[in-house]
C-alpha cells in the first residue's frame, strides 16, 4: 500500500487565469510527492468581474462556495468552510490579505494546531503612508506566519520590517504562465504581423483612481501634439468608475478620434491586443505589482511604467527594455511615449531585452519559492531565488544589506525548515 502523500494548501478568495497558472505550476512541480490542494473561497466578487475559473490539470481544486459572490458570505461561513478545507494540510500558503477577519482567525487556529502558515503578498512600504501604531499591530497579526512569499525587492524589505526577518522570505509571488499568454496571443511582439508604425499604446486594467489614467490621457495628448512621427492610437482596455470622467477629458483635449475604449476583454483578447501593440503604459500612483507587466513581458512588449509599479523591480529596466517614470510627471510620460514611438531600432532592442527578462515573470518562480519552503535542499533552488532577489533590487544586491541578509537567511533556512 502506497503511503499517503503529505498535503499542502494554496488559498485565494477568487481564481483568475493567473491563479490557475500558479496552482498548476506548483502541482506539476510537486504533485508526485504531495497532495496539492488549491482552495478558492468563492466563484465571484464585486471587485473583479472575472469569469468562473477553469479546471486545474495538476492540482486538486476546491471551490468552497460555487456560484457565490464573496461579499455575500458571512464571516462565520467563510471561516468555517476555510478551516474545514485546510485542516488536513501540513502547510498552508495564504494569498488572501492577512488583515481580513476570517483570515486572522483561520491563520491563528491553523498555527495553534500545528500547521505551518505561509503568507503570500505583494504589499510594499511605498503603497501608502505608514502609521507606526498600525505597523506594530500588523506585526501581531503576522505572528502565526512562519514564512512569506513576496513579489519583489521592495515587498521583501517591507515584510521583513514586519517581523518575518528571521524566517525565510522568498520572492516569486506575482507571476503568470508565459506559455499560456504566448498561446493566447498567437504570436510574440517580434513575430506579429503588425508594422512598427501601426502599433498603438495600450493600457489594460480597471478604470480606478490609483491607475492615474487622467495623467496618462494628458500625457498622450502631449505626445500627439509633440511627436515628429505619424500619431499612434491609445487603446484603453478595461472598465470602471472613472470611464465617464476619462471620456470627458478626452473630449476636452480634442483627441476623441485617437483613443479606443474596448470595454472589459477576456485574457485571450488582451494577449492578442498586446502582441500587436507598441508598448504597455501603466503609470499608476499605487500599484503593488501590476501583473499586466508580466503578460507584456511574456510577449516581449516593452513597458512604460511608473516607479510605483512593483513589477518595475524585476521586469523593467529604465532605458533598457522600457521606461520608468514618476507617476506625477506628465512631461516624463509624454517624453517616454515620444521616444518609444519615434525610434524603431531602439524599440526593437527593447523588445529583445524584454523577452530576456520574461523568466522573472513566469510561474516557475513561484514553484521555486514553494518548493524551497518545502524542500530547501533541492539543488539549484537557492541560486535561482538569490538571482531573483538580485534582479528585484535593480542589480544593487551587493550593496543592499537587507537583501544580503535575506540571502543569508535562505542559507540558514536550508538547515532549519520549520
Protein backbone atom coordinates (compact mmCIF):
# COMPACT_ATOMS: atom_id res chain seq x y z
CA UNK A 1 0.00 0.00 0.00
CA UNK A 2 1.37 3.37 -1.05
CA UNK A 3 1.96 5.82 1.83
CA UNK A 4 -0.36 8.81 1.90
CA UNK A 5 1.16 11.95 0.42
CA UNK A 6 1.69 14.96 2.66
CA UNK A 7 -0.86 17.64 1.81
CA UNK A 8 -0.39 21.37 1.48
CA UNK A 9 -2.95 24.01 0.57
CA UNK A 10 -2.87 27.15 -1.57
CA UNK A 11 -5.66 29.67 -0.92
CA UNK A 12 -7.09 32.70 -2.73
CA UNK A 13 -10.51 34.26 -2.39
CA UNK A 14 -11.23 34.01 -6.14
CA UNK A 15 -9.35 32.44 -9.05
CA UNK A 16 -8.49 34.14 -12.33
CA UNK A 17 -6.42 32.57 -15.10
CA UNK A 18 -3.18 33.54 -13.40
CA UNK A 19 -4.20 31.87 -10.12
CA UNK A 20 -4.88 28.69 -12.08
CA UNK A 21 -1.49 29.10 -13.78
CA UNK A 22 0.20 29.22 -10.38
CA UNK A 23 -1.66 26.23 -8.94
CA UNK A 24 -0.87 24.10 -11.98
CA UNK A 25 2.80 25.09 -11.99
CA UNK A 26 3.13 24.18 -8.31
CA UNK A 27 1.20 20.94 -8.83
CA UNK A 28 3.27 19.98 -11.85
CA UNK A 29 6.47 20.58 -9.88
CA UNK A 30 5.45 18.87 -6.62
CA UNK A 31 2.38 16.76 -7.33
CA UNK A 32 4.25 13.45 -7.43
CA UNK A 33 5.31 13.86 -3.80
CA UNK A 34 2.47 15.97 -2.33
CA UNK A 35 -1.30 16.22 -2.39
CA UNK A 36 -1.65 19.79 -3.72
CA UNK A 37 -4.97 21.35 -2.70
CA UNK A 38 -5.95 24.63 -4.38
CA UNK A 39 -8.76 26.37 -2.48
CA UNK A 40 -10.94 29.09 -3.99
CA UNK A 41 -13.33 30.66 -1.49
CA UNK A 42 -15.98 31.89 -3.96
CA UNK A 43 -16.56 31.93 -7.70
CA UNK A 44 -17.15 35.69 -7.97
CA UNK A 45 -16.75 39.02 -6.22
CA UNK A 46 -17.83 42.64 -6.51
CA UNK A 47 -14.21 43.72 -7.04
CA UNK A 48 -13.29 41.59 -10.06
CA UNK A 49 -15.57 40.62 -12.93
CA UNK A 50 -13.60 37.51 -13.84
CA UNK A 51 -15.46 34.57 -15.36
CA UNK A 52 -15.69 31.34 -13.39
CA UNK A 53 -12.26 29.77 -13.12
CA UNK A 54 -11.20 26.82 -15.23
CA UNK A 55 -10.43 23.30 -14.00
CA UNK A 56 -6.86 22.53 -12.96
CA UNK A 57 -4.64 19.95 -14.56
CA UNK A 58 -2.04 19.31 -11.87
CA UNK A 59 -3.66 20.27 -8.55
CA UNK A 60 -6.88 19.34 -6.77
CA UNK A 61 -9.21 22.34 -6.88
CA UNK A 62 -11.91 23.01 -4.29
CA UNK A 63 -14.29 25.97 -4.58
CA UNK A 64 -15.90 26.43 -1.18
CA UNK A 65 -18.93 28.39 -2.43
CA UNK A 66 -19.54 27.66 -6.13
CA UNK A 67 -21.56 30.33 -7.90
CA UNK A 68 -21.48 32.67 -4.88
CA UNK A 69 -20.19 36.21 -4.63
CA UNK A 70 -17.53 36.62 -1.95
CA UNK A 71 -19.14 39.64 -0.30
CA UNK A 72 -22.42 37.77 0.20
CA UNK A 73 -20.77 35.28 2.55
CA UNK A 74 -20.72 35.91 6.28
CA UNK A 75 -17.59 35.86 8.41
CA UNK A 76 -18.68 32.60 10.03
CA UNK A 77 -19.42 30.86 6.73
CA UNK A 78 -16.04 31.79 5.28
CA UNK A 79 -14.11 30.84 8.42
CA UNK A 80 -15.83 27.51 8.97
CA UNK A 81 -15.53 26.44 5.34
CA UNK A 82 -11.92 27.52 5.02
CA UNK A 83 -10.83 25.76 8.21
CA UNK A 84 -12.67 22.63 7.15
CA UNK A 85 -10.93 22.57 3.78
CA UNK A 86 -7.45 23.22 5.15
CA UNK A 87 -7.49 21.12 8.32
CA UNK A 88 -5.76 18.17 6.69
CA UNK A 89 -2.90 20.27 5.33
CA UNK A 90 0.51 20.34 6.97
CA UNK A 91 1.42 23.65 5.30
CA UNK A 92 -0.92 26.37 4.05
CA UNK A 93 0.02 29.16 1.64
CA UNK A 94 -2.45 32.05 2.02
CA UNK A 95 -2.85 34.67 -0.71
CA UNK A 96 -5.81 36.47 0.90
CA UNK A 97 -4.94 39.72 2.76
CA UNK A 98 -3.85 38.85 6.29
CA UNK A 99 -6.00 41.68 7.70
CA UNK A 100 -9.30 40.09 6.63
CA UNK A 101 -11.04 38.98 9.86
CA UNK A 102 -11.73 35.43 8.70
CA UNK A 103 -8.10 35.08 7.60
CA UNK A 104 -6.90 36.31 11.00
CA UNK A 105 -8.93 33.65 12.80
CA UNK A 106 -8.03 30.94 10.29
CA UNK A 107 -4.29 31.64 10.40
CA UNK A 108 -4.19 31.68 14.21
CA UNK A 109 -6.15 28.43 14.57
CA UNK A 110 -4.07 26.65 11.95
CA UNK A 111 -0.87 27.73 13.67
CA UNK A 112 -2.11 26.84 17.17
CA UNK A 113 -2.93 23.34 15.98
CA UNK A 114 0.50 22.77 14.50
CA UNK A 115 0.09 23.75 10.87
CA UNK A 116 2.73 25.81 9.11
CA UNK A 117 1.24 29.04 7.68
CA UNK A 118 2.93 30.96 4.88
CA UNK A 119 1.85 34.44 3.76
CA UNK A 120 1.79 35.37 0.07
CA UNK A 121 1.79 39.13 -0.53
CA UNK A 122 2.90 41.92 -2.84
CA UNK A 123 2.48 44.80 -0.35
CA UNK A 124 5.40 47.21 -0.13
CA UNK A 125 6.18 50.17 2.09
CA UNK A 126 5.54 52.84 -0.55
CA UNK A 127 1.97 51.70 -1.25
CA UNK A 128 0.64 54.09 1.42
CA UNK A 129 1.63 56.43 4.20
CA UNK A 130 2.53 54.17 7.09
CA UNK A 131 1.47 54.72 10.71
CA UNK A 132 3.78 53.39 13.42
CA UNK A 133 0.92 52.11 15.60
CA UNK A 134 -0.72 50.33 12.67
CA UNK A 135 2.60 48.76 11.67
CA UNK A 136 3.07 47.42 15.21
CA UNK A 137 -0.43 45.92 15.11
CA UNK A 138 0.43 44.27 11.79
CA UNK A 139 3.37 42.56 13.43
CA UNK A 140 0.92 40.98 15.88
CA UNK A 141 -1.37 39.84 13.07
CA UNK A 142 1.58 38.20 11.35
CA UNK A 143 2.72 36.14 14.36
CA UNK A 144 1.07 32.94 13.03
CA UNK A 145 3.09 33.12 9.80
CA UNK A 146 6.39 31.26 9.74
CA UNK A 147 7.46 32.37 6.26
CA UNK A 148 6.40 34.55 3.34
CA UNK A 149 6.46 34.53 -0.44
CA UNK A 150 6.63 38.09 -1.77
CA UNK A 151 6.59 39.75 -5.16
CA UNK A 152 9.93 41.55 -5.37
CA UNK A 153 12.64 43.54 -3.66
CA UNK A 154 10.50 46.26 -2.10
CA UNK A 155 7.97 43.74 -0.82
CA UNK A 156 10.81 41.72 0.66
CA UNK A 157 12.08 44.80 2.52
CA UNK A 158 8.59 45.56 3.82
CA UNK A 159 7.68 42.07 5.00
CA UNK A 160 10.98 41.69 6.82
CA UNK A 161 10.28 45.00 8.58
CA UNK A 162 7.03 43.48 9.87
CA UNK A 163 8.84 40.82 11.84
CA UNK A 164 9.35 37.89 9.49
CA UNK A 165 13.02 38.82 9.22
CA UNK A 166 14.29 35.66 10.92
CA UNK A 167 12.23 33.32 8.80
CA UNK A 168 12.50 32.60 5.09
CA UNK A 169 11.14 35.40 2.92
CA UNK A 170 11.44 34.49 -0.75
CA UNK A 171 10.32 36.23 -3.98
CA UNK A 172 8.24 34.80 -6.81
CA UNK A 173 4.63 35.54 -5.85
CA UNK A 174 3.39 37.76 -8.69
CA UNK A 175 3.75 35.59 -11.77
CA UNK A 176 1.77 34.29 -14.74
CA UNK A 177 2.22 31.44 -17.18
CA UNK A 178 4.26 32.95 -20.00
CA UNK A 179 3.43 29.89 -22.10
CA UNK A 180 -0.32 30.48 -21.68
CA UNK A 181 -0.05 34.17 -22.59
CA UNK A 182 2.00 33.35 -25.68
CA UNK A 183 -0.50 30.69 -26.71
CA UNK A 184 -3.45 33.02 -26.25
CA UNK A 185 -1.78 35.83 -28.18
CA UNK A 186 -0.96 33.59 -31.12
CA UNK A 187 2.31 35.46 -31.77
CA UNK A 188 5.06 37.28 -29.95
CA UNK A 189 5.55 41.01 -30.45
CA UNK A 190 8.56 40.37 -32.68
CA UNK A 191 6.69 37.94 -34.94
CA UNK A 192 3.21 39.55 -35.02
CA UNK A 193 2.34 40.79 -38.48
CA UNK A 194 1.88 44.43 -37.44
CA UNK A 195 4.12 47.15 -38.80
CA UNK A 196 6.03 49.27 -36.29
CA UNK A 197 4.28 52.47 -37.39
CA UNK A 198 0.82 50.89 -36.93
CA UNK A 199 1.30 49.77 -33.33
CA UNK A 200 -0.69 51.62 -30.62
CA UNK A 201 -0.01 52.35 -26.98
CA UNK A 202 -2.05 50.05 -24.72
CA UNK A 203 -3.36 50.28 -21.16
CA UNK A 204 -5.11 47.29 -19.58
CA UNK A 205 -6.73 47.39 -16.15
CA UNK A 206 -9.55 48.82 -14.07
CA UNK A 207 -10.52 52.46 -14.52
CA UNK A 208 -9.99 53.43 -10.89
CA UNK A 209 -8.22 56.44 -9.33
CA UNK A 210 -4.98 54.66 -8.39
CA UNK A 211 -4.30 53.83 -12.05
CA UNK A 212 -3.65 57.53 -12.75
CA UNK A 213 -5.46 57.42 -16.09
CA UNK A 214 -6.08 61.17 -16.25
CA UNK A 215 -2.30 61.73 -16.27
CA UNK A 216 -1.92 59.03 -18.92
CA UNK A 217 -4.50 60.70 -21.15
CA UNK A 218 -2.94 64.15 -20.67
CA UNK A 219 0.49 62.73 -21.43
CA UNK A 220 -0.87 61.08 -24.56
CA UNK A 221 -2.34 64.41 -25.68
CA UNK A 222 1.12 65.92 -25.18
CA UNK A 223 2.62 63.14 -27.29
CA UNK A 224 0.07 63.79 -30.06
CA UNK A 225 0.99 67.49 -30.11
CA UNK A 226 4.75 66.88 -30.00
CA UNK A 227 5.56 63.74 -31.98
CA UNK A 228 7.50 64.03 -35.20
CA UNK A 229 6.20 60.70 -36.48
CA UNK A 230 2.68 59.64 -37.52
CA UNK A 231 0.41 59.67 -34.48
CA UNK A 232 -0.30 56.32 -32.83
CA UNK A 233 -3.58 55.42 -31.19
CA UNK A 234 -4.15 54.86 -27.49
CA UNK A 235 -6.14 51.72 -26.61
CA UNK A 236 -7.74 51.61 -23.15
CA UNK A 237 -8.71 48.04 -22.23
CA UNK A 238 -10.98 47.67 -19.23
CA UNK A 239 -13.81 49.41 -17.44
CA UNK A 240 -14.56 51.12 -14.17
CA UNK A 241 -15.99 54.15 -12.35
CA UNK A 242 -13.56 56.64 -13.95
CA UNK A 243 -14.71 55.94 -17.52
CA UNK A 244 -17.13 58.88 -17.86
CA UNK A 245 -14.52 61.26 -16.47
CA UNK A 246 -11.94 59.93 -18.90
CA UNK A 247 -14.27 60.33 -21.86
CA UNK A 248 -14.98 63.93 -20.85
CA UNK A 249 -11.25 64.68 -20.54
CA UNK A 250 -10.52 63.10 -23.92
CA UNK A 251 -13.22 65.29 -25.50
CA UNK A 252 -11.80 68.37 -23.76
CA UNK A 253 -8.31 67.59 -25.14
CA UNK A 254 -9.73 67.05 -28.64
CA UNK A 255 -8.33 63.53 -29.09
CA UNK A 256 -11.62 61.60 -29.27
CA UNK A 257 -10.74 60.15 -32.67
CA UNK A 258 -7.45 58.76 -31.43
CA UNK A 259 -8.49 56.87 -28.26
CA UNK A 260 -10.25 53.49 -28.28
CA UNK A 261 -12.27 52.12 -25.35
CA UNK A 262 -12.62 48.35 -25.71
CA UNK A 263 -14.52 47.60 -22.52
CA UNK A 264 -13.67 44.51 -20.46
CA UNK A 265 -11.90 41.84 -22.52
CA UNK A 266 -11.03 38.26 -21.70
CA UNK A 267 -7.42 37.22 -21.25
CA UNK A 268 -7.10 35.82 -24.78
CA UNK A 269 -8.19 39.06 -26.44
CA UNK A 270 -5.97 41.13 -24.10
CA UNK A 271 -2.98 38.97 -25.10
CA UNK A 272 -3.77 39.38 -28.81
CA UNK A 273 -4.06 43.14 -28.42
CA UNK A 274 -0.74 43.34 -26.62
CA UNK A 275 1.13 41.29 -29.20
CA UNK A 276 0.21 43.94 -31.78
CA UNK A 277 0.99 46.95 -29.58
CA UNK A 278 3.97 49.29 -29.36
CA UNK A 279 4.12 49.48 -25.57
CA UNK A 280 2.14 48.87 -22.42
CA UNK A 281 1.63 52.06 -20.40
CA UNK A 282 0.97 51.63 -16.66
CA UNK A 283 1.71 54.80 -14.70
CA UNK A 284 -0.26 54.15 -11.51
CA UNK A 285 0.03 56.22 -8.33
CA UNK A 286 -0.24 52.99 -6.33
CA UNK A 287 0.43 49.54 -7.77
CA UNK A 288 1.56 46.68 -5.56
CA UNK A 289 2.82 44.84 -8.62
CA UNK A 290 0.88 45.02 -11.93
CA UNK A 291 0.51 41.55 -13.46
CA UNK A 292 -0.24 43.06 -16.85
CA UNK A 293 3.50 43.86 -16.97
CA UNK A 294 4.18 40.12 -16.65
CA UNK A 295 1.82 39.48 -19.55
CA UNK A 296 3.59 42.12 -21.62
CA UNK A 297 6.99 40.63 -20.77
CA UNK A 298 5.74 37.19 -21.83
CA UNK A 299 5.22 38.58 -25.32
CA UNK A 300 8.28 40.82 -25.48
CA UNK A 301 6.22 44.01 -25.23
CA UNK A 302 8.20 46.93 -23.76
CA UNK A 303 6.53 48.92 -21.00
CA UNK A 304 6.34 52.49 -19.76
CA UNK A 305 5.68 52.19 -16.03
CA UNK A 306 5.73 54.47 -13.02
CA UNK A 307 8.20 53.87 -10.21
CA UNK A 308 5.20 53.00 -8.00
CA UNK A 309 4.60 49.83 -10.05
CA UNK A 310 6.09 46.92 -8.14
CA UNK A 311 6.82 44.99 -11.33
CA UNK A 312 9.44 47.59 -12.21
CA UNK A 313 11.62 45.95 -9.53
CA UNK A 314 12.27 42.88 -11.65
CA UNK A 315 10.69 43.26 -15.08
CA UNK A 316 11.51 46.78 -16.36
CA UNK A 317 14.95 48.34 -16.63
CA UNK A 318 14.85 52.03 -17.48
CA UNK A 319 16.23 52.76 -20.97
CA UNK A 320 17.00 49.04 -21.47
CA UNK A 321 13.64 47.35 -22.03
CA UNK A 322 11.29 50.24 -21.26
CA UNK A 323 10.95 53.44 -19.29
CA UNK A 324 10.41 54.00 -15.58
CA UNK A 325 8.87 57.42 -14.88
CA UNK A 326 7.35 59.32 -12.00
CA UNK A 327 3.57 58.95 -11.88
CA UNK A 328 3.15 62.67 -11.11
CA UNK A 329 5.20 63.82 -14.12
CA UNK A 330 3.03 64.16 -17.21
CA UNK A 331 6.07 65.55 -19.04
CA UNK A 332 8.13 62.42 -18.27
CA UNK A 333 5.33 60.15 -19.51
CA UNK A 334 5.00 62.21 -22.70
CA UNK A 335 8.73 62.07 -23.39
CA UNK A 336 8.79 58.31 -22.86
CA UNK A 337 5.91 57.85 -25.30
CA UNK A 338 7.66 60.01 -27.92
CA UNK A 339 10.92 58.11 -27.51
CA UNK A 340 9.18 54.75 -27.82
CA UNK A 341 7.22 55.85 -30.89
CA UNK A 342 9.95 57.54 -32.93
CA UNK A 343 12.93 55.15 -32.95
CA UNK A 344 12.25 51.70 -34.39
CA UNK A 345 15.78 50.39 -33.82
CA UNK A 346 15.66 51.32 -30.13
CA UNK A 347 12.20 49.80 -29.81
CA UNK A 348 13.30 46.51 -31.34
CA UNK A 349 16.22 46.41 -28.95
CA UNK A 350 13.79 46.87 -26.07
CA UNK A 351 11.62 44.05 -27.41
CA UNK A 352 14.63 41.73 -27.33
CA UNK A 353 15.63 42.79 -23.82
CA UNK A 354 12.05 42.37 -22.57
CA UNK A 355 11.99 38.77 -23.75
CA UNK A 356 15.20 38.13 -21.82
CA UNK A 357 13.53 39.24 -18.58
CA UNK A 358 10.39 37.14 -19.11
CA UNK A 359 11.81 34.35 -16.94
CA UNK A 360 11.19 36.58 -13.90
CA UNK A 361 7.53 36.92 -14.92
CA UNK A 362 6.84 33.20 -15.16
CA UNK A 363 5.06 30.80 -12.79
CA UNK A 364 8.23 28.78 -12.47
CA UNK A 365 9.46 31.37 -9.98
CA UNK A 366 6.50 30.71 -7.63
CA UNK A 367 7.04 26.97 -7.98
CA UNK A 368 10.66 27.64 -6.96
CA UNK A 369 9.54 29.56 -3.87
CA UNK A 370 7.02 26.94 -2.73
CA UNK A 371 9.44 24.10 -3.35
CA UNK A 372 12.18 25.92 -1.45
CA UNK A 373 9.99 26.31 1.62
CA UNK A 374 9.08 22.61 1.48
CA UNK A 375 12.32 21.11 0.16
CA UNK A 376 15.14 23.60 0.81
CA UNK A 377 17.91 21.13 -0.04
CA UNK A 378 16.81 20.82 -3.69
CA UNK A 379 19.84 21.58 -5.90
CA UNK A 380 19.74 24.91 -7.74
CA UNK A 381 16.75 26.41 -5.93
CA UNK A 382 18.66 28.74 -3.64
CA UNK A 383 20.72 30.05 -6.55
CA UNK A 384 17.63 30.83 -8.64
CA UNK A 385 15.97 32.60 -5.72
CA UNK A 386 19.09 34.64 -4.97
CA UNK A 387 19.20 35.70 -8.63
CA UNK A 388 15.57 36.85 -8.41
CA UNK A 389 16.36 38.81 -5.25
CA UNK A 390 19.29 40.44 -7.01
CA UNK A 391 17.24 41.35 -10.08
CA UNK A 392 14.41 42.67 -7.92
CA UNK A 393 16.87 45.09 -6.35
CA UNK A 394 17.70 46.59 -9.71
CA UNK A 395 21.13 45.00 -9.78
CA UNK A 396 22.21 46.56 -6.46
CA UNK A 397 22.18 43.31 -4.48
CA UNK A 398 25.84 43.55 -3.43
CA UNK A 399 25.22 46.95 -1.82
CA UNK A 400 21.89 46.15 -0.15
CA UNK A 401 22.28 44.88 3.43
CA UNK A 402 18.63 43.79 3.76
CA UNK A 403 18.78 41.72 0.61
CA UNK A 404 22.15 40.24 1.53
CA UNK A 405 20.61 39.32 4.89
CA UNK A 406 17.71 37.68 3.05
CA UNK A 407 20.15 35.54 1.11
CA UNK A 408 21.96 34.54 4.31
CA UNK A 409 18.59 33.63 5.82
CA UNK A 410 17.96 31.34 2.85
CA UNK A 411 21.23 29.60 3.53
CA UNK A 412 20.32 29.13 7.21
CA UNK A 413 16.81 28.03 6.32
CA UNK A 414 18.17 25.03 4.45
CA UNK A 415 19.07 23.58 7.82
CA UNK A 416 16.06 24.80 9.83
CA UNK A 417 12.97 24.09 7.77
CA UNK A 418 10.31 24.55 10.47
